PDB file of N, CA and C in Angstrom:
ATOM      1  N   MET A   1     113.877 144.433 105.797  1.00  0.00           N
ATOM      2  CA  MET A   1     114.164 144.980 107.095  1.00  0.00           C
ATOM      3  C   MET A   1     113.354 144.220 108.142  1.00  0.00           C
ATOM      4  N   GLU A   2     113.994 143.827 109.208  1.00  0.00           N
ATOM      5  CA  GLU A   2     113.332 143.077 110.269  1.00  0.00           C
ATOM      6  C   GLU A   2     112.894 144.025 111.373  1.00  0.00           C
ATOM      7  N   PHE A   3     111.650 143.901 111.809  1.00  0.00           N
ATOM      8  CA  PHE A   3     111.139 144.707 112.896  1.00  0.00           C
ATOM      9  C   PHE A   3     111.077 143.854 114.153  1.00  0.00           C
ATOM     10  N   LEU A   4     111.657 144.357 115.237  1.00  0.00           N
ATOM     11  CA  LEU A   4     111.659 143.639 116.496  1.00  0.00           C
ATOM     12  C   LEU A   4     110.387 143.935 117.279  1.00  0.00           C
ATOM     13  N   SER A   5     109.965 142.968 118.050  1.00  0.00           N
ATOM     14  CA  SER A   5     108.815 143.132 118.924  1.00  0.00           C
ATOM     15  C   SER A   5     109.162 144.135 120.022  1.00  0.00           C
ATOM     16  N   GLU A   6     108.149 144.723 120.603  1.00  0.00           N
ATOM     17  CA  GLU A   6     108.348 145.652 121.719  1.00  0.00           C
ATOM     18  C   GLU A   6     108.764 144.928 122.992  1.00  0.00           C
ATOM     19  N   THR A   7     108.611 143.588 123.004  1.00  0.00           N
ATOM     20  CA  THR A   7     108.990 142.806 124.176  1.00  0.00           C
ATOM     21  C   THR A   7     110.041 141.769 123.792  1.00  0.00           C
ATOM     22  N   LEU A   8     110.783 141.325 124.792  1.00  0.00           N
ATOM     23  CA  LEU A   8     111.809 140.309 124.556  1.00  0.00           C
ATOM     24  C   LEU A   8     111.166 138.982 124.190  1.00  0.00           C
ATOM     25  N   THR A   9     111.844 138.231 123.339  1.00  0.00           N
ATOM     26  CA  THR A   9     111.377 136.896 122.992  1.00  0.00           C
ATOM     27  C   THR A   9     111.698 135.934 124.134  1.00  0.00           C
ATOM     28  N   ASP A  10     111.122 134.746 124.084  1.00  0.00           N
ATOM     29  CA  ASP A  10     111.419 133.729 125.102  1.00  0.00           C
ATOM     30  C   ASP A  10     112.913 133.417 125.131  1.00  0.00           C
ATOM     31  N   ASP A  11     113.535 133.316 123.954  1.00  0.00           N
ATOM     32  CA  ASP A  11     114.970 133.010 123.884  1.00  0.00           C
ATOM     33  C   ASP A  11     115.814 134.142 124.455  1.00  0.00           C
ATOM     34  N   GLU A  12     115.431 135.389 124.190  1.00  0.00           N
ATOM     35  CA  GLU A  12     116.187 136.528 124.725  1.00  0.00           C
ATOM     36  C   GLU A  12     116.082 136.584 126.244  1.00  0.00           C
ATOM     37  N   LEU A  13     114.891 136.329 126.759  1.00  0.00           N
ATOM     38  CA  LEU A  13     114.705 136.333 128.209  1.00  0.00           C
ATOM     39  C   LEU A  13     115.500 135.206 128.855  1.00  0.00           C
ATOM     40  N   ALA A  14     115.539 134.055 128.202  1.00  0.00           N
ATOM     41  CA  ALA A  14     116.332 132.931 128.719  1.00  0.00           C
ATOM     42  C   ALA A  14     117.822 133.268 128.684  1.00  0.00           C
ATOM     43  N   ALA A  15     118.270 133.961 127.650  1.00  0.00           N
ATOM     44  CA  ALA A  15     119.685 134.328 127.554  1.00  0.00           C
ATOM     45  C   ALA A  15     120.076 135.308 128.658  1.00  0.00           C
ATOM     46  N   ILE A  16     119.196 136.230 128.981  1.00  0.00           N
ATOM     47  CA  ILE A  16     119.492 137.223 130.023  1.00  0.00           C
ATOM     48  C   ILE A  16     119.455 136.598 131.407  1.00  0.00           C
ATOM     49  N   THR A  17     118.422 135.806 131.679  1.00  0.00           N
ATOM     50  CA  THR A  17     118.263 135.251 133.026  1.00  0.00           C
ATOM     51  C   THR A  17     119.076 133.987 133.247  1.00  0.00           C
ATOM     52  N   GLY A  18     119.356 133.267 132.170  1.00  0.00           N
ATOM     53  CA  GLY A  18     120.038 131.992 132.310  1.00  0.00           C
ATOM     54  C   GLY A  18     119.080 130.842 132.577  1.00  0.00           C
ATOM     55  N   TYR A  19     117.782 131.130 132.527  1.00  0.00           N
ATOM     56  CA  TYR A  19     116.767 130.118 132.822  1.00  0.00           C
ATOM     57  C   TYR A  19     115.720 130.063 131.717  1.00  0.00           C
ATOM     58  N   LYS A  20     115.228 128.867 131.431  1.00  0.00           N
ATOM     59  CA  LYS A  20     114.134 128.693 130.474  1.00  0.00           C
ATOM     60  C   LYS A  20     112.780 128.567 131.179  1.00  0.00           C
ATOM     61  N   THR A  21     112.799 128.141 132.421  1.00  0.00           N
ATOM     62  CA  THR A  21     111.579 127.958 133.191  1.00  0.00           C
ATOM     63  C   THR A  21     111.049 129.314 133.667  1.00  0.00           C
ATOM     64  N   PRO A  22     109.780 129.622 133.366  1.00  0.00           N
ATOM     65  CA  PRO A  22     109.231 130.923 133.759  1.00  0.00           C
ATOM     66  C   PRO A  22     109.347 131.242 135.248  1.00  0.00           C
ATOM     67  N   SER A  23     109.159 130.255 136.111  1.00  0.00           N
ATOM     68  CA  SER A  23     109.261 130.530 137.552  1.00  0.00           C
ATOM     69  C   SER A  23     110.678 130.954 137.930  1.00  0.00           C
ATOM     70  N   CYS A  24     111.673 130.335 137.333  1.00  0.00           N
ATOM     71  CA  CYS A  24     113.065 130.721 137.597  1.00  0.00           C
ATOM     72  C   CYS A  24     113.370 132.089 136.988  1.00  0.00           C
ATOM     73  N   GLN A  25     112.805 132.363 135.816  1.00  0.00           N
ATOM     74  CA  GLN A  25     112.990 133.678 135.196  1.00  0.00           C
ATOM     75  C   GLN A  25     112.393 134.758 136.094  1.00  0.00           C
ATOM     76  N   ARG A  26     111.203 134.516 136.642  1.00  0.00           N
ATOM     77  CA  ARG A  26     110.566 135.485 137.539  1.00  0.00           C
ATOM     78  C   ARG A  26     111.433 135.732 138.766  1.00  0.00           C
ATOM     79  N   GLN A  27     111.984 134.674 139.329  1.00  0.00           N
ATOM     80  CA  GLN A  27     112.838 134.816 140.509  1.00  0.00           C
ATOM     81  C   GLN A  27     114.079 135.646 140.172  1.00  0.00           C
ATOM     82  N   TRP A  28     114.714 135.364 139.035  1.00  0.00           N
ATOM     83  CA  TRP A  28     115.907 136.108 138.628  1.00  0.00           C
ATOM     84  C   TRP A  28     115.580 137.581 138.411  1.00  0.00           C
ATOM     85  N   LEU A  29     114.486 137.845 137.696  1.00  0.00           N
ATOM     86  CA  LEU A  29     114.087 139.221 137.410  1.00  0.00           C
ATOM     87  C   LEU A  29     113.803 139.989 138.702  1.00  0.00           C
ATOM     88  N   THR A  30     113.106 139.367 139.630  1.00  0.00           N
ATOM     89  CA  THR A  30     112.803 140.004 140.919  1.00  0.00           C
ATOM     90  C   THR A  30     114.079 140.252 141.709  1.00  0.00           C
ATOM     91  N   ARG A  31     114.942 139.243 141.790  1.00  0.00           N
ATOM     92  CA  ARG A  31     116.194 139.337 142.544  1.00  0.00           C
ATOM     93  C   ARG A  31     117.103 140.436 141.993  1.00  0.00           C
ATOM     94  N   ASN A  32     117.050 140.666 140.689  1.00  0.00           N
ATOM     95  CA  ASN A  32     117.912 141.658 140.052  1.00  0.00           C
ATOM     96  C   ASN A  32     117.190 142.977 139.764  1.00  0.00           C
ATOM     97  N   ALA A  33     116.034 143.169 140.380  1.00  0.00           N
ATOM     98  CA  ALA A  33     115.264 144.419 140.325  1.00  0.00           C
ATOM     99  C   ALA A  33     114.853 144.818 138.912  1.00  0.00           C
ATOM    100  N   TRP A  34     114.423 143.846 138.128  1.00  0.00           N
ATOM    101  CA  TRP A  34     113.886 144.118 136.781  1.00  0.00           C
ATOM    102  C   TRP A  34     112.377 144.179 136.889  1.00  0.00           C
ATOM    103  N   GLN A  35     111.764 145.131 136.210  1.00  0.00           N
ATOM    104  CA  GLN A  35     110.310 145.204 136.164  1.00  0.00           C
ATOM    105  C   GLN A  35     109.798 144.303 135.049  1.00  0.00           C
ATOM    106  N   PHE A  36     108.691 143.650 135.307  1.00  0.00           N
ATOM    107  CA  PHE A  36     108.088 142.773 134.300  1.00  0.00           C
ATOM    108  C   PHE A  36     106.610 142.630 134.611  1.00  0.00           C
ATOM    109  N   VAL A  37     105.869 142.172 133.636  1.00  0.00           N
ATOM    110  CA  VAL A  37     104.455 141.829 133.830  1.00  0.00           C
ATOM    111  C   VAL A  37     104.310 140.351 133.514  1.00  0.00           C
ATOM    112  N   LEU A  38     103.212 139.786 133.949  1.00  0.00           N
ATOM    113  CA  LEU A  38     102.978 138.364 133.724  1.00  0.00           C
ATOM    114  C   LEU A  38     101.853 138.155 132.726  1.00  0.00           C
ATOM    115  N   THR A  39     102.014 137.150 131.888  1.00  0.00           N
ATOM    116  CA  THR A  39     100.925 136.745 131.002  1.00  0.00           C
ATOM    117  C   THR A  39      99.945 135.917 131.819  1.00  0.00           C
ATOM    118  N   GLY A  40      98.847 135.533 131.210  1.00  0.00           N
ATOM    119  CA  GLY A  40      97.881 134.670 131.886  1.00  0.00           C
ATOM    120  C   GLY A  40      98.476 133.329 132.276  1.00  0.00           C
ATOM    121  N   ALA A  41      99.515 132.905 131.544  1.00  0.00           N
ATOM    122  CA  ALA A  41     100.198 131.641 131.832  1.00  0.00           C
ATOM    123  C   ALA A  41     101.356 131.828 132.813  1.00  0.00           C
ATOM    124  N   GLN A  42     101.440 133.030 133.418  1.00  0.00           N
ATOM    125  CA  GLN A  42     102.464 133.347 134.421  1.00  0.00           C
ATOM    126  C   GLN A  42     103.879 133.415 133.846  1.00  0.00           C
ATOM    127  N   ARG A  43     103.986 133.720 132.552  1.00  0.00           N
ATOM    128  CA  ARG A  43     105.290 133.918 131.924  1.00  0.00           C
ATOM    129  C   ARG A  43     105.653 135.393 132.041  1.00  0.00           C
ATOM    130  N   PRO A  44     106.897 135.717 132.419  1.00  0.00           N
ATOM    131  CA  PRO A  44     107.275 137.129 132.523  1.00  0.00           C
ATOM    132  C   PRO A  44     107.446 137.770 131.145  1.00  0.00           C
ATOM    133  N   VAL A  45     107.055 139.032 131.056  1.00  0.00           N
ATOM    134  CA  VAL A  45     107.201 139.810 129.832  1.00  0.00           C
ATOM    135  C   VAL A  45     108.010 141.058 130.181  1.00  0.00           C
ATOM    136  N   VAL A  46     109.097 141.281 129.421  1.00  0.00           N
ATOM    137  CA  VAL A  46     109.973 142.428 129.654  1.00  0.00           C
ATOM    138  C   VAL A  46     110.022 143.259 128.383  1.00  0.00           C
ATOM    139  N   GLY A  47     109.884 144.561 128.534  1.00  0.00           N
ATOM    140  CA  GLY A  47     109.958 145.469 127.395  1.00  0.00           C
ATOM    141  C   GLY A  47     111.368 145.548 126.831  1.00  0.00           C
ATOM    142  N   ARG A  48     111.468 145.652 125.514  1.00  0.00           N
ATOM    143  CA  ARG A  48     112.762 145.692 124.836  1.00  0.00           C
ATOM    144  C   ARG A  48     113.573 146.938 125.198  1.00  0.00           C
ATOM    145  N   VAL A  49     112.951 148.113 125.182  1.00  0.00           N
ATOM    146  CA  VAL A  49     113.674 149.349 125.512  1.00  0.00           C
ATOM    147  C   VAL A  49     114.127 149.305 126.960  1.00  0.00           C
ATOM    148  N   TYR A  50     113.261 148.835 127.848  1.00  0.00           N
ATOM    149  CA  TYR A  50     113.609 148.701 129.257  1.00  0.00           C
ATOM    150  C   TYR A  50     114.832 147.795 129.425  1.00  0.00           C
ATOM    151  N   ALA A  51     114.816 146.659 128.754  1.00  0.00           N
ATOM    152  CA  ALA A  51     115.932 145.710 128.858  1.00  0.00           C
ATOM    153  C   ALA A  51     117.228 146.332 128.343  1.00  0.00           C
ATOM    154  N   ARG A  52     117.161 147.068 127.245  1.00  0.00           N
ATOM    155  CA  ARG A  52     118.372 147.715 126.710  1.00  0.00           C
ATOM    156  C   ARG A  52     118.948 148.698 127.712  1.00  0.00           C
ATOM    157  N   LEU A  53     118.090 149.470 128.349  1.00  0.00           N
ATOM    158  CA  LEU A  53     118.571 150.427 129.346  1.00  0.00           C
ATOM    159  C   LEU A  53     119.191 149.708 130.540  1.00  0.00           C
ATOM    160  N   LYS A  54     118.519 148.671 131.037  1.00  0.00           N
ATOM    161  CA  LYS A  54     119.052 147.916 132.177  1.00  0.00           C
ATOM    162  C   LYS A  54     120.404 147.294 131.845  1.00  0.00           C
ATOM    163  N   LEU A  55     120.517 146.720 130.662  1.00  0.00           N
ATOM    164  CA  LEU A  55     121.772 146.075 130.281  1.00  0.00           C
ATOM    165  C   LEU A  55     122.886 147.088 130.065  1.00  0.00           C
ATOM    166  N   ALA A  56     122.523 148.326 129.762  1.00  0.00           N
ATOM    167  CA  ALA A  56     123.517 149.385 129.571  1.00  0.00           C
ATOM    168  C   ALA A  56     123.896 150.044 130.897  1.00  0.00           C
ATOM    169  N   GLY A  57     123.240 149.628 131.982  1.00  0.00           N
ATOM    170  CA  GLY A  57     123.549 150.192 133.287  1.00  0.00           C
ATOM    171  C   GLY A  57     122.833 151.503 133.564  1.00  0.00           C
ATOM    172  N   VAL A  58     121.812 151.798 132.771  1.00  0.00           N
ATOM    173  CA  VAL A  58     121.032 153.017 132.950  1.00  0.00           C
ATOM    174  C   VAL A  58     119.769 152.672 133.715  1.00  0.00           C
ATOM    175  N   LYS A  59     119.446 153.474 134.736  1.00  0.00           N
ATOM    176  CA  LYS A  59     118.219 153.224 135.488  1.00  0.00           C
ATOM    177  C   LYS A  59     117.041 153.729 134.656  1.00  0.00           C
ATOM    178  N   PRO A  60     116.197 152.813 134.174  1.00  0.00           N
ATOM    179  CA  PRO A  60     115.071 153.226 133.332  1.00  0.00           C
ATOM    180  C   PRO A  60     114.090 154.124 134.078  1.00  0.00           C
ATOM    181  N   THR A  61     113.694 155.202 133.415  1.00  0.00           N
ATOM    182  CA  THR A  61     112.684 156.107 133.943  1.00  0.00           C
ATOM    183  C   THR A  61     111.664 156.354 132.844  1.00  0.00           C
ATOM    184  N   ALA A  62     110.593 157.049 133.186  1.00  0.00           N
ATOM    185  CA  ALA A  62     109.578 157.358 132.177  1.00  0.00           C
ATOM    186  C   ALA A  62     110.164 158.224 131.070  1.00  0.00           C
ATOM    187  N   THR A  63     111.164 159.029 131.389  1.00  0.00           N
ATOM    188  CA  THR A  63     111.765 159.923 130.397  1.00  0.00           C
ATOM    189  C   THR A  63     112.674 159.179 129.428  1.00  0.00           C
ATOM    190  N   ASN A  64     113.588 158.361 129.942  1.00  0.00           N
ATOM    191  CA  ASN A  64     114.554 157.719 129.051  1.00  0.00           C
ATOM    192  C   ASN A  64     114.079 156.386 128.508  1.00  0.00           C
ATOM    193  N   ALA A  65     112.938 155.891 128.945  1.00  0.00           N
ATOM    194  CA  ALA A  65     112.434 154.607 128.460  1.00  0.00           C
ATOM    195  C   ALA A  65     111.513 154.754 127.254  1.00  0.00           C
ATOM    196  N   VAL A  66     111.344 155.970 126.799  1.00  0.00           N
ATOM    197  CA  VAL A  66     110.499 156.200 125.629  1.00  0.00           C
ATOM    198  C   VAL A  66     111.346 155.989 124.384  1.00  0.00           C
ATOM    199  N   ALA A  67     110.845 155.175 123.490  1.00  0.00           N
ATOM    200  CA  ALA A  67     111.567 154.917 122.248  1.00  0.00           C
ATOM    201  C   ALA A  67     111.695 156.212 121.458  1.00  0.00           C
ATOM    202  N   GLU A  68     112.853 156.422 120.920  1.00  0.00           N
ATOM    203  CA  GLU A  68     113.114 157.620 120.156  1.00  0.00           C
ATOM    204  C   GLU A  68     112.327 157.583 118.845  1.00  0.00           C
ATOM    205  N   THR A  69     111.635 158.671 118.561  1.00  0.00           N
ATOM    206  CA  THR A  69     110.881 158.735 117.316  1.00  0.00           C
ATOM    207  C   THR A  69     111.749 159.366 116.241  1.00  0.00           C
ATOM    208  N   TRP A  70     111.448 159.086 115.001  1.00  0.00           N
ATOM    209  CA  TRP A  70     112.220 159.649 113.906  1.00  0.00           C
ATOM    210  C   TRP A  70     111.277 159.954 112.755  1.00  0.00           C
ATOM    211  N   THR A  71     111.750 160.809 111.890  1.00  0.00           N
ATOM    212  CA  THR A  71     110.987 161.120 110.693  1.00  0.00           C
ATOM    213  C   THR A  71     111.912 160.997 109.492  1.00  0.00           C
ATOM    214  N   LEU A  72     111.344 160.724 108.383  1.00  0.00           N
ATOM    215  CA  LEU A  72     112.106 160.576 107.148  1.00  0.00           C
ATOM    216  C   LEU A  72     112.376 161.958 106.581  1.00  0.00           C
ATOM    217  N   ASP A  73     113.650 162.292 106.421  1.00  0.00           N
ATOM    218  CA  ASP A  73     114.045 163.604 105.881  1.00  0.00           C
ATOM    219  C   ASP A  73     114.437 163.451 104.430  1.00  0.00           C
ATOM    220  N   LEU A  74     113.588 163.920 103.548  1.00  0.00           N
ATOM    221  CA  LEU A  74     113.837 163.828 102.106  1.00  0.00           C
ATOM    222  C   LEU A  74     114.324 165.153 101.534  1.00  0.00           C
ATOM    223  N   SER A  75     114.700 166.088 102.388  1.00  0.00           N
ATOM    224  CA  SER A  75     115.077 167.415 101.924  1.00  0.00           C
ATOM    225  C   SER A  75     116.325 167.413 101.041  1.00  0.00           C
ATOM    226  N   ARG A  76     117.189 166.431 101.186  1.00  0.00           N
ATOM    227  CA  ARG A  76     118.431 166.389 100.401  1.00  0.00           C
ATOM    228  C   ARG A  76     118.327 165.488  99.176  1.00  0.00           C
ATOM    229  N   VAL A  77     117.189 164.888  98.984  1.00  0.00           N
ATOM    230  CA  VAL A  77     117.000 164.018  97.821  1.00  0.00           C
ATOM    231  C   VAL A  77     116.670 164.908  96.631  1.00  0.00           C
ATOM    232  N   GLY A  78     117.425 164.728  95.569  1.00  0.00           N
ATOM    233  CA  GLY A  78     117.215 165.644  94.458  1.00  0.00           C
ATOM    234  C   GLY A  78     116.908 164.950  93.231  1.00  0.00           C
TER     235      GLY A  78
END
């Protein structure tokens, strides 16, 4: 099973913005009202759940941007 990072990869961010250059990615993200943080190298970082909501046309909020938690239900295992 593959576990995804909590943030988008460089390739995913390039696919969304259409740019590989961090300065162009920052401009695209700002122009399209995406929230992001910067690394020390000035590369934008976007959260995976946030990006999924934005791409689905949902305005991310503190309530809907929380990853859904789950528990393992073994009650039917016999």
